[in-house]
Amino acid sequence: MHFQDRMGRTASFLVQADYKRLADKIVIERSDIQEKSPLFPRVQAFILYEEELRSKDLSDMTFKQFYYWTLDRALSLTPDDEHRRTKLNIDRMSVYQRMSMMPEAQTEKYSIVVLTMDRLASNSGFKIEVSGTPHGTNWIEEVTYHDFQGWRAGIFSLSFILDWEIYYVRALYGAKQENWTAKNKLKLVGLFSTERDYTHWPAFDGRTALQGPIARLGIMLEPENADDAGMIASRLHELGFLKNADNKCEEKLEEALKIFQHTRGLNPSGQWSAETQKKLFHDTGL
């Protein structure tokens, strides 16, 4: 059974029942309902001022209340025309120019909020990491986690200059916590950067405030890389184009990509491309 509310949150359950069919009705003799974790949960991330979040008591809030409050406060950081002009100039700078011209007086403390929009089973693992590079190691340890009846939130604070200093936030997930081993490690389900969204900001439509750099081609995946191939395989499996999420066989991936590309109006070559990456990870938060 699969449920979805107006916010876009989902919850899934596995229902097993023993029943007998009578002439005019079906009688349920025994039933068993188990929570079911998603294979690839959707995550959203938001930036807001740390002092605003510090004033809130999350223990008194439902997920719905916290979600809409977070979204409302994050909207205050929507870029205006001046921000856009500044961002355009920053993008034209070399690394040295950016460092030498960085306005230190504008350093502020922000809170980054990462939310799961799919309900996770109680034995599922959810972890947030942040570093200075997309594939860097975690160096922020003070992440606080909140569980809103299965919908999780990971929150941490960081002082930086918005748009000038870019950090990468990784959301990691494991379906069964007791199976976290080297072979079955947490997988990446969200990758965000700490900057305003200069592409669009569709208010209250379920999109993430921090657009994922994979979907917008800030980072190009390489199927030859084992980790990247695993992400591609997991996404194809989630969409029903690959039978086994752990199958990284080049031929199987190519065949699945051909079918996916055909259904999305792309050239069904089976080869990895920028357009394929955009379509495959659209609306995932990655």
C-alpha atoms as a PDB file:
ATOM      1  CA  MET A   1       0.000   0.000   0.000  1.00  0.00           C
ATOM      2  CA  HIS A   2       1.300   3.435  -0.963  1.00  0.00           C
ATOM      3  CA  PHE A   3       0.024   6.750   0.430  1.00  0.00           C
ATOM      4  CA  GLN A   4       0.812  10.329  -0.613  1.00  0.00           C
ATOM      5  CA  ASP A   5      -0.424  13.604   0.881  1.00  0.00           C
ATOM      6  CA  ARG A   6      -0.762  17.110  -0.555  1.00  0.00           C
ATOM      7  CA  MET A   7       2.788  18.010   0.486  1.00  0.00           C
ATOM      8  CA  GLY A   8       4.154  15.169  -1.625  1.00  0.00           C
ATOM      9  CA  ARG A   9       5.146  13.047   1.376  1.00  0.00           C
ATOM     10  CA  THR A  10       4.788   9.308   0.881  1.00  0.00           C
ATOM     11  CA  ALA A  11       4.520   6.248   3.103  1.00  0.00           C
ATOM     12  CA  SER A  12       4.527   2.597   2.049  1.00  0.00           C
ATOM     13  CA  PHE A  13       3.413  -0.535   3.864  1.00  0.00           C
ATOM     14  CA  LEU A  14       3.536  -4.245   3.069  1.00  0.00           C
ATOM     15  CA  VAL A  15       0.201  -5.898   3.864  1.00  0.00           C
ATOM     16  CA  GLN A  16      -0.212  -9.673   4.098  1.00  0.00           C
ATOM     17  CA  ALA A  17      -3.598 -11.184   4.865  1.00  0.00           C
ATOM     18  CA  ASP A  18      -5.239 -14.597   5.205  1.00  0.00           C
ATOM     19  CA  TYR A  19      -8.797 -14.502   3.969  1.00  0.00           C
ATOM     20  CA  LYS A  20     -11.618 -16.636   2.723  1.00  0.00           C
ATOM     21  CA  ARG A  21     -14.063 -15.801  -0.004  1.00  0.00           C
ATOM     22  CA  LEU A  22     -17.746 -16.250   0.737  1.00  0.00           C
ATOM     23  CA  ALA A  23     -20.661 -15.935  -1.632  1.00  0.00           C
ATOM     24  CA  ASP A  24     -21.271 -12.260  -0.918  1.00  0.00           C
ATOM     25  CA  LYS A  25     -18.139 -11.062   0.869  1.00  0.00           C
ATOM     26  CA  ILE A  26     -14.484 -11.612   1.710  1.00  0.00           C
ATOM     27  CA  VAL A  27     -13.590 -12.275   5.327  1.00  0.00           C
ATOM     28  CA  ILE A  28     -10.126 -11.260   6.586  1.00  0.00           C
ATOM     29  CA  GLU A  29      -9.046 -13.858   9.140  1.00  0.00           C
ATOM     30  CA  ARG A  30      -5.564 -12.512   9.901  1.00  0.00           C
ATOM     31  CA  SER A  31      -3.504  -9.600   8.659  1.00  0.00           C
ATOM     32  CA  ASP A  32       0.028  -8.360   9.123  1.00  0.00           C
ATOM     33  CA  ILE A  33       1.134  -4.812   8.247  1.00  0.00           C
ATOM     34  CA  GLN A  34       4.815  -3.903   8.054  1.00  0.00           C
ATOM     35  CA  GLU A  35       6.399  -0.547   7.298  1.00  0.00           C
ATOM     36  CA  LYS A  36       8.360  -0.565   4.038  1.00  0.00           C
ATOM     37  CA  SER A  37      11.353   1.655   3.396  1.00  0.00           C
ATOM     38  CA  PRO A  38      11.796   3.218  -0.052  1.00  0.00           C
ATOM     39  CA  LEU A  39      14.670   2.105  -2.242  1.00  0.00           C
ATOM     40  CA  PHE A  40      15.686   5.667  -3.124  1.00  0.00           C
ATOM     41  CA  PRO A  41      13.999   8.207  -0.797  1.00  0.00           C
ATOM     42  CA  ARG A  42      13.429  11.743  -2.013  1.00  0.00           C
ATOM     43  CA  VAL A  43      15.154  14.469  -0.024  1.00  0.00           C
ATOM     44  CA  GLN A  44      14.866  18.246   0.009  1.00  0.00           C
ATOM     45  CA  ALA A  45      17.297  20.792   1.448  1.00  0.00           C
ATOM     46  CA  PHE A  46      16.915  24.402   2.525  1.00  0.00           C
ATOM     47  CA  ILE A  47      19.098  27.285   3.729  1.00  0.00           C
ATOM     48  CA  LEU A  48      17.798  29.669   6.399  1.00  0.00           C
ATOM     49  CA  TYR A  49      19.230  32.006   8.970  1.00  0.00           C
ATOM     50  CA  GLU A  50      20.500  30.136  12.011  1.00  0.00           C
ATOM     51  CA  GLU A  51      19.019  32.606  14.513  1.00  0.00           C
ATOM     52  CA  GLU A  52      15.532  31.988  13.128  1.00  0.00           C
ATOM     53  CA  LEU A  53      15.808  28.231  13.562  1.00  0.00           C
ATOM     54  CA  ARG A  54      17.327  28.609  17.015  1.00  0.00           C
ATOM     55  CA  SER A  55      14.107  30.246  18.196  1.00  0.00           C
ATOM     56  CA  LYS A  56      11.970  27.222  17.266  1.00  0.00           C
ATOM     57  CA  ASP A  57      11.157  24.256  19.498  1.00  0.00           C
ATOM     58  CA  LEU A  58      10.925  21.334  17.083  1.00  0.00           C
ATOM     59  CA  SER A  59       9.571  19.006  19.771  1.00  0.00           C
ATOM     60  CA  ASP A  60       6.288  20.937  19.653  1.00  0.00           C
ATOM     61  CA  MET A  61       5.983  20.825  15.866  1.00  0.00           C
ATOM     62  CA  THR A  62       4.602  18.263  13.440  1.00  0.00           C
ATOM     63  CA  PHE A  63       6.461  17.543  10.210  1.00  0.00           C
ATOM     64  CA  LYS A  64       3.863  19.555   8.275  1.00  0.00           C
ATOM     65  CA  GLN A  65       4.288  22.590  10.541  1.00  0.00           C
ATOM     66  CA  PHE A  66       8.091  22.392  10.390  1.00  0.00           C
ATOM     67  CA  TYR A  67       8.136  21.845   6.615  1.00  0.00           C
ATOM     68  CA  TYR A  68       6.011  24.876   5.779  1.00  0.00           C
ATOM     69  CA  TRP A  69       7.775  27.082   8.326  1.00  0.00           C
ATOM     70  CA  THR A  70      11.179  26.060   6.890  1.00  0.00           C
ATOM     71  CA  LEU A  71      10.009  26.685   3.339  1.00  0.00           C
ATOM     72  CA  ASP A  72       8.631  30.092   4.275  1.00  0.00           C
ATOM     73  CA  ARG A  73      11.891  31.161   5.957  1.00  0.00           C
ATOM     74  CA  ALA A  74      14.023  29.794   3.104  1.00  0.00           C
ATOM     75  CA  LEU A  75      12.026  31.897   0.644  1.00  0.00           C
ATOM     76  CA  SER A  76      13.463  35.015   2.306  1.00  0.00           C
ATOM     77  CA  LEU A  77      16.799  34.103   0.680  1.00  0.00           C
ATOM     78  CA  THR A  78      15.338  34.152  -2.828  1.00  0.00           C
ATOM     79  CA  PRO A  79      17.846  35.971  -5.077  1.00  0.00           C
ATOM     80  CA  ASP A  80      16.922  39.418  -6.376  1.00  0.00           C
ATOM     81  CA  ASP A  81      18.388  41.257  -9.387  1.00  0.00           C
ATOM     82  CA  GLU A  82      21.372  42.496  -7.380  1.00  0.00           C
ATOM     83  CA  HIS A  83      22.164  38.953  -6.226  1.00  0.00           C
ATOM     84  CA  ARG A  84      21.960  37.741  -9.831  1.00  0.00           C
ATOM     85  CA  ARG A  85      24.407  40.398 -11.051  1.00  0.00           C
ATOM     86  CA  THR A  86      26.806  39.537  -8.226  1.00  0.00           C
ATOM     87  CA  LYS A  87      26.525  35.834  -8.955  1.00  0.00           C
ATOM     88  CA  LEU A  88      27.253  36.427 -12.645  1.00  0.00           C
ATOM     89  CA  ASN A  89      30.428  38.317 -11.729  1.00  0.00           C
ATOM     90  CA  ILE A  90      31.500  35.612  -9.243  1.00  0.00           C
ATOM     91  CA  ASP A  91      31.123  32.889 -11.874  1.00  0.00           C
ATOM     92  CA  ARG A  92      33.457  34.806 -14.191  1.00  0.00           C
ATOM     93  CA  MET A  93      36.219  35.008 -11.561  1.00  0.00           C
ATOM     94  CA  SER A  94      39.154  32.689 -11.178  1.00  0.00           C
ATOM     95  CA  VAL A  95      39.610  30.916  -7.849  1.00  0.00           C
ATOM     96  CA  TYR A  96      42.312  33.438  -6.877  1.00  0.00           C
ATOM     97  CA  GLN A  97      40.090  36.411  -7.747  1.00  0.00           C
ATOM     98  CA  ARG A  98      37.201  34.982  -5.793  1.00  0.00           C
ATOM     99  CA  MET A  99      39.360  34.456  -2.691  1.00  0.00           C
ATOM    100  CA  SER A 100      40.953  37.920  -2.885  1.00  0.00           C
ATOM    101  CA  MET A 101      37.647  39.751  -3.403  1.00  0.00           C
ATOM    102  CA  MET A 102      35.553  37.757  -0.929  1.00  0.00           C
ATOM    103  CA  PRO A 103      33.615  40.223   1.298  1.00  0.00           C
ATOM    104  CA  GLU A 104      34.535  38.926   4.758  1.00  0.00           C
ATOM    105  CA  ALA A 105      32.147  41.323   6.502  1.00  0.00           C
ATOM    106  CA  GLN A 106      29.208  39.447   4.990  1.00  0.00           C
ATOM    107  CA  THR A 107      29.931  36.180   6.814  1.00  0.00           C
ATOM    108  CA  GLU A 108      26.744  34.980   8.500  1.00  0.00           C
ATOM    109  CA  LYS A 109      25.626  31.862  10.294  1.00  0.00           C
ATOM    110  CA  TYR A 110      23.123  29.728   8.411  1.00  0.00           C
ATOM    111  CA  SER A 111      21.279  26.524   9.166  1.00  0.00           C
ATOM    112  CA  ILE A 112      21.000  23.810   6.534  1.00  0.00           C
ATOM    113  CA  VAL A 113      17.877  21.646   6.832  1.00  0.00           C
ATOM    114  CA  VAL A 114      17.672  18.339   4.936  1.00  0.00           C
ATOM    115  CA  LEU A 115      14.297  16.553   4.944  1.00  0.00           C
ATOM    116  CA  THR A 116      13.157  13.153   3.689  1.00  0.00           C
ATOM    117  CA  MET A 117       9.874  13.281   1.800  1.00  0.00           C
ATOM    118  CA  ASP A 118       9.407   9.502   1.956  1.00  0.00           C
ATOM    119  CA  ARG A 119       8.694   7.855   5.285  1.00  0.00           C
ATOM    120  CA  LEU A 120      11.620   5.707   6.457  1.00  0.00           C
ATOM    121  CA  ALA A 121      11.270   2.527   8.468  1.00  0.00           C
ATOM    122  CA  SER A 122      12.472   2.710  12.057  1.00  0.00           C
ATOM    123  CA  ASN A 123      15.536   0.548  11.276  1.00  0.00           C
ATOM    124  CA  SER A 124      16.602   2.687   8.292  1.00  0.00           C
ATOM    125  CA  GLY A 125      19.732   4.806   8.428  1.00  0.00           C
ATOM    126  CA  PHE A 126      19.856   8.482   7.459  1.00  0.00           C
ATOM    127  CA  LYS A 127      23.050  10.533   7.647  1.00  0.00           C
ATOM    128  CA  ILE A 128      24.174  14.016   6.599  1.00  0.00           C
ATOM    129  CA  GLU A 129      27.736  14.923   5.590  1.00  0.00           C
ATOM    130  CA  VAL A 130      29.220  18.202   4.392  1.00  0.00           C
ATOM    131  CA  SER A 131      32.573  19.055   2.869  1.00  0.00           C
ATOM    132  CA  GLY A 132      34.297  21.512   0.576  1.00  0.00           C
ATOM    133  CA  THR A 133      34.162  19.194  -2.446  1.00  0.00           C
ATOM    134  CA  PRO A 134      31.379  17.001  -3.897  1.00  0.00           C
ATOM    135  CA  HIS A 135      33.236  13.794  -2.992  1.00  0.00           C
ATOM    136  CA  GLY A 136      35.067  15.057   0.095  1.00  0.00           C
ATOM    137  CA  THR A 137      35.074  13.524   3.541  1.00  0.00           C
ATOM    138  CA  ASN A 138      32.759  14.661   6.288  1.00  0.00           C
ATOM    139  CA  TRP A 139      34.113  17.328   8.643  1.00  0.00           C
ATOM    140  CA  ILE A 140      30.920  18.580  10.289  1.00  0.00           C
ATOM    141  CA  GLU A 141      30.097  16.397  13.276  1.00  0.00           C
ATOM    142  CA  GLU A 142      27.391  18.422  15.014  1.00  0.00           C
ATOM    143  CA  VAL A 143      24.435  17.347  12.911  1.00  0.00           C
ATOM    144  CA  THR A 144      21.192  16.979  14.853  1.00  0.00           C
ATOM    145  CA  TYR A 145      18.562  14.534  13.663  1.00  0.00           C
ATOM    146  CA  HIS A 146      14.823  14.614  14.251  1.00  0.00           C
ATOM    147  CA  ASP A 147      12.293  11.885  13.532  1.00  0.00           C
ATOM    148  CA  PHE A 148       8.766  13.081  12.723  1.00  0.00           C
ATOM    149  CA  GLN A 149       7.066   9.650  12.837  1.00  0.00           C
ATOM    150  CA  GLY A 150       9.323   8.319  10.098  1.00  0.00           C
ATOM    151  CA  TRP A 151       9.964  11.495   8.132  1.00  0.00           C
ATOM    152  CA  ARG A 152      13.492  12.522   9.081  1.00  0.00           C
ATOM    153  CA  ALA A 153      15.300  15.846   9.336  1.00  0.00           C
ATOM    154  CA  GLY A 154      19.035  16.472   9.544  1.00  0.00           C
ATOM    155  CA  ILE A 155      20.097  19.971  10.643  1.00  0.00           C
ATOM    156  CA  PHE A 156      23.476  21.664  11.093  1.00  0.00           C
ATOM    157  CA  SER A 157      24.787  25.230  11.245  1.00  0.00           C
ATOM    158  CA  LEU A 158      27.670  26.752   9.321  1.00  0.00           C
ATOM    159  CA  SER A 159      29.196  30.237   9.055  1.00  0.00           C
ATOM    160  CA  PHE A 160      30.022  31.286   5.494  1.00  0.00           C
ATOM    161  CA  ILE A 161      29.450  33.946   2.837  1.00  0.00           C
ATOM    162  CA  LEU A 162      26.441  32.918   0.812  1.00  0.00           C
ATOM    163  CA  ASP A 163      27.187  32.375  -2.909  1.00  0.00           C
ATOM    164  CA  TRP A 164      30.912  33.101  -2.433  1.00  0.00           C
ATOM    165  CA  GLU A 165      31.799  30.049  -0.336  1.00  0.00           C
ATOM    166  CA  ILE A 166      30.376  26.784  -1.638  1.00  0.00           C
ATOM    167  CA  TYR A 167      30.044  23.658   0.494  1.00  0.00           C
ATOM    168  CA  TYR A 168      28.500  20.367  -0.548  1.00  0.00           C
ATOM    169  CA  VAL A 169      25.882  18.600   1.537  1.00  0.00           C
ATOM    170  CA  ARG A 170      25.438  14.861   1.072  1.00  0.00           C
ATOM    171  CA  ALA A 171      22.384  12.909   2.249  1.00  0.00           C
ATOM    172  CA  LEU A 172      23.168   9.208   2.780  1.00  0.00           C
ATOM    173  CA  TYR A 173      20.656   6.435   3.311  1.00  0.00           C
ATOM    174  CA  GLY A 174      20.562   2.744   4.187  1.00  0.00           C
ATOM    175  CA  ALA A 175      17.328   0.739   4.127  1.00  0.00           C
ATOM    176  CA  LYS A 176      18.330  -1.485   7.071  1.00  0.00           C
ATOM    177  CA  GLN A 177      20.584  -0.082   9.753  1.00  0.00           C
ATOM    178  CA  GLU A 178      21.785  -3.474  10.969  1.00  0.00           C
ATOM    179  CA  ASN A 179      23.128  -4.239   7.474  1.00  0.00           C
ATOM    180  CA  TRP A 180      25.503  -1.285   7.226  1.00  0.00           C
ATOM    181  CA  THR A 181      28.653  -3.091   6.151  1.00  0.00           C
ATOM    182  CA  ALA A 182      31.479  -2.350   3.761  1.00  0.00           C
ATOM    183  CA  LYS A 183      29.616  -4.325   1.113  1.00  0.00           C
ATOM    184  CA  ASN A 184      26.236  -2.758   1.796  1.00  0.00           C
ATOM    185  CA  LYS A 185      27.198   0.831   2.621  1.00  0.00           C
ATOM    186  CA  LEU A 186      25.008   3.894   2.830  1.00  0.00           C
ATOM    187  CA  LYS A 187      24.176   5.226  -0.601  1.00  0.00           C
ATOM    188  CA  LEU A 188      23.985   8.814  -1.772  1.00  0.00           C
ATOM    189  CA  VAL A 189      20.379   9.987  -2.214  1.00  0.00           C
ATOM    190  CA  GLY A 190      20.884  13.763  -2.123  1.00  0.00           C
ATOM    191  CA  LEU A 191      23.702  16.140  -3.071  1.00  0.00           C
ATOM    192  CA  PHE A 192      23.250  19.880  -2.535  1.00  0.00           C
ATOM    193  CA  SER A 193      25.409  23.018  -2.649  1.00  0.00           C
ATOM    194  CA  THR A 194      25.168  25.977  -0.270  1.00  0.00           C
ATOM    195  CA  GLU A 195      24.097  28.681  -2.693  1.00  0.00           C
ATOM    196  CA  ARG A 196      20.921  30.396  -3.746  1.00  0.00           C
ATOM    197  CA  ASP A 197      18.868  28.814  -6.516  1.00  0.00           C
ATOM    198  CA  TYR A 198      19.439  30.994  -9.579  1.00  0.00           C
ATOM    199  CA  THR A 199      17.542  28.750 -11.969  1.00  0.00           C
ATOM    200  CA  HIS A 200      14.043  29.065 -10.522  1.00  0.00           C
ATOM    201  CA  TRP A 201      12.214  29.130  -7.218  1.00  0.00           C
ATOM    202  CA  PRO A 202       8.766  27.586  -7.616  1.00  0.00           C
ATOM    203  CA  ALA A 203       7.115  28.325  -4.267  1.00  0.00           C
ATOM    204  CA  PHE A 204       5.289  25.519  -2.464  1.00  0.00           C
ATOM    205  CA  ASP A 205       5.421  23.045  -5.349  1.00  0.00           C
ATOM    206  CA  GLY A 206       7.533  20.395  -3.643  1.00  0.00           C
ATOM    207  CA  ARG A 207      10.846  21.256  -5.283  1.00  0.00           C
ATOM    208  CA  THR A 208      14.033  21.565  -3.301  1.00  0.00           C
ATOM    209  CA  ALA A 209      15.302  24.999  -2.330  1.00  0.00           C
ATOM    210  CA  LEU A 210      18.876  23.900  -2.959  1.00  0.00           C
ATOM    211  CA  GLN A 211      18.995  22.463  -6.450  1.00  0.00           C
ATOM    212  CA  GLY A 212      21.126  19.360  -6.805  1.00  0.00           C
ATOM    213  CA  PRO A 213      24.321  19.824  -8.849  1.00  0.00           C
ATOM    214  CA  ILE A 214      23.909  16.463 -10.610  1.00  0.00           C
ATOM    215  CA  ALA A 215      20.525  17.305 -12.138  1.00  0.00           C
ATOM    216  CA  ARG A 216      21.724  20.726 -13.226  1.00  0.00           C
ATOM    217  CA  LEU A 217      25.022  19.284 -14.566  1.00  0.00           C
ATOM    218  CA  GLY A 218      27.266  21.015 -12.050  1.00  0.00           C
ATOM    219  CA  ILE A 219      28.780  17.554 -11.584  1.00  0.00           C
ATOM    220  CA  MET A 220      28.951  15.099 -14.477  1.00  0.00           C
ATOM    221  CA  LEU A 221      28.676  11.443 -13.526  1.00  0.00           C
ATOM    222  CA  GLU A 222      30.981   8.891 -15.134  1.00  0.00           C
ATOM    223  CA  PRO A 223      29.569   5.352 -15.545  1.00  0.00           C
ATOM    224  CA  GLU A 224      33.145   4.024 -15.537  1.00  0.00           C
ATOM    225  CA  ASN A 225      33.365   5.056 -11.866  1.00  0.00           C
ATOM    226  CA  ALA A 226      31.917   2.355  -9.577  1.00  0.00           C
ATOM    227  CA  ASP A 227      30.153   4.813  -7.239  1.00  0.00           C
ATOM    228  CA  ASP A 228      28.663   6.784 -10.139  1.00  0.00           C
ATOM    229  CA  ALA A 229      27.541   3.570 -11.837  1.00  0.00           C
ATOM    230  CA  GLY A 230      25.850   2.536  -8.597  1.00  0.00           C
ATOM    231  CA  MET A 231      23.885   5.802  -8.472  1.00  0.00           C
ATOM    232  CA  ILE A 232      22.803   5.416 -12.083  1.00  0.00           C
ATOM    233  CA  ALA A 233      21.777   1.791 -11.524  1.00  0.00           C
ATOM    234  CA  SER A 234      19.799   2.661  -8.363  1.00  0.00           C
ATOM    235  CA  ARG A 235      17.896   5.414 -10.166  1.00  0.00           C
ATOM    236  CA  LEU A 236      17.134   3.217 -13.188  1.00  0.00           C
ATOM    237  CA  HIS A 237      15.932   0.480 -10.838  1.00  0.00           C
ATOM    238  CA  GLU A 238      13.716   2.918  -8.948  1.00  0.00           C
ATOM    239  CA  LEU A 239      12.073   3.980 -12.211  1.00  0.00           C
ATOM    240  CA  GLY A 240      11.580   0.366 -13.270  1.00  0.00           C
ATOM    241  CA  PHE A 241      14.135   0.224 -16.088  1.00  0.00           C
ATOM    242  CA  LEU A 242      16.599  -2.106 -14.324  1.00  0.00           C
ATOM    243  CA  LYS A 243      15.596  -5.279 -12.522  1.00  0.00           C
ATOM    244  CA  ASN A 244      18.442  -5.306  -9.988  1.00  0.00           C
ATOM    245  CA  ALA A 245      19.678  -2.085  -8.356  1.00  0.00           C
ATOM    246  CA  ASP A 246      23.069  -3.699  -7.665  1.00  0.00           C
ATOM    247  CA  ASN A 247      23.568  -4.672 -11.300  1.00  0.00           C
ATOM    248  CA  LYS A 248      26.398  -2.500 -12.662  1.00  0.00           C
ATOM    249  CA  CYS A 249      27.038  -4.726 -15.691  1.00  0.00           C
ATOM    250  CA  GLU A 250      27.896  -2.449 -18.598  1.00  0.00           C
ATOM    251  CA  GLU A 251      25.626  -4.296 -21.040  1.00  0.00           C
ATOM    252  CA  LYS A 252      22.643  -4.286 -18.655  1.00  0.00           C
ATOM    253  CA  LEU A 253      23.083  -0.589 -17.911  1.00  0.00           C
ATOM    254  CA  GLU A 254      23.353   0.235 -21.607  1.00  0.00           C
ATOM    255  CA  GLU A 255      20.155  -1.674 -22.395  1.00  0.00           C
ATOM    256  CA  ALA A 256      18.300   0.012 -19.528  1.00  0.00           C
ATOM    257  CA  LEU A 257      19.562   3.423 -20.642  1.00  0.00           C
ATOM    258  CA  LYS A 258      18.328   2.788 -24.196  1.00  0.00           C
ATOM    259  CA  ILE A 259      14.798   2.102 -22.937  1.00  0.00           C
ATOM    260  CA  PHE A 260      14.892   5.097 -20.578  1.00  0.00           C
ATOM    261  CA  GLN A 261      16.165   7.426 -23.299  1.00  0.00           C
ATOM    262  CA  HIS A 262      13.457   6.244 -25.697  1.00  0.00           C
ATOM    263  CA  THR A 263      10.689   6.934 -23.150  1.00  0.00           C
ATOM    264  CA  ARG A 264      12.075  10.446 -22.496  1.00  0.00           C
ATOM    265  CA  GLY A 265      12.340  11.432 -26.152  1.00  0.00           C
ATOM    266  CA  LEU A 266      16.130  11.190 -26.274  1.00  0.00           C
ATOM    267  CA  ASN A 267      18.340   9.401 -28.788  1.00  0.00           C
ATOM    268  CA  PRO A 268      18.256   5.754 -27.551  1.00  0.00           C
ATOM    269  CA  SER A 269      21.993   5.204 -27.933  1.00  0.00           C
ATOM    270  CA  GLY A 270      22.519   3.638 -24.520  1.00  0.00           C
ATOM    271  CA  GLN A 271      25.435   6.037 -24.011  1.00  0.00           C
ATOM    272  CA  TRP A 272      25.707   8.389 -21.053  1.00  0.00           C
ATOM    273  CA  SER A 273      25.154  12.055 -21.905  1.00  0.00           C
ATOM    274  CA  ALA A 274      24.359  15.362 -20.247  1.00  0.00           C
ATOM    275  CA  GLU A 275      20.721  15.254 -21.368  1.00  0.00           C
ATOM    276  CA  THR A 276      20.361  11.700 -20.074  1.00  0.00           C
ATOM    277  CA  GLN A 277      21.750  12.759 -16.686  1.00  0.00           C
ATOM    278  CA  LYS A 278      19.371  15.744 -16.479  1.00  0.00           C
ATOM    279  CA  LYS A 279      16.338  13.592 -17.303  1.00  0.00           C
ATOM    280  CA  LEU A 280      17.324  10.676 -15.059  1.00  0.00           C
ATOM    281  CA  PHE A 281      17.921  12.781 -11.917  1.00  0.00           C
ATOM    282  CA  HIS A 282      15.225  15.392 -12.510  1.00  0.00           C
ATOM    283  CA  ASP A 283      13.334  16.206  -9.277  1.00  0.00           C
ATOM    284  CA  THR A 284      15.444  13.866  -7.113  1.00  0.00           C
ATOM    285  CA  GLY A 285      17.364  16.497  -5.151  1.00  0.00           C
ATOM    286  CA  LEU A 286      20.633  15.165  -6.535  1.00  0.00           C
END
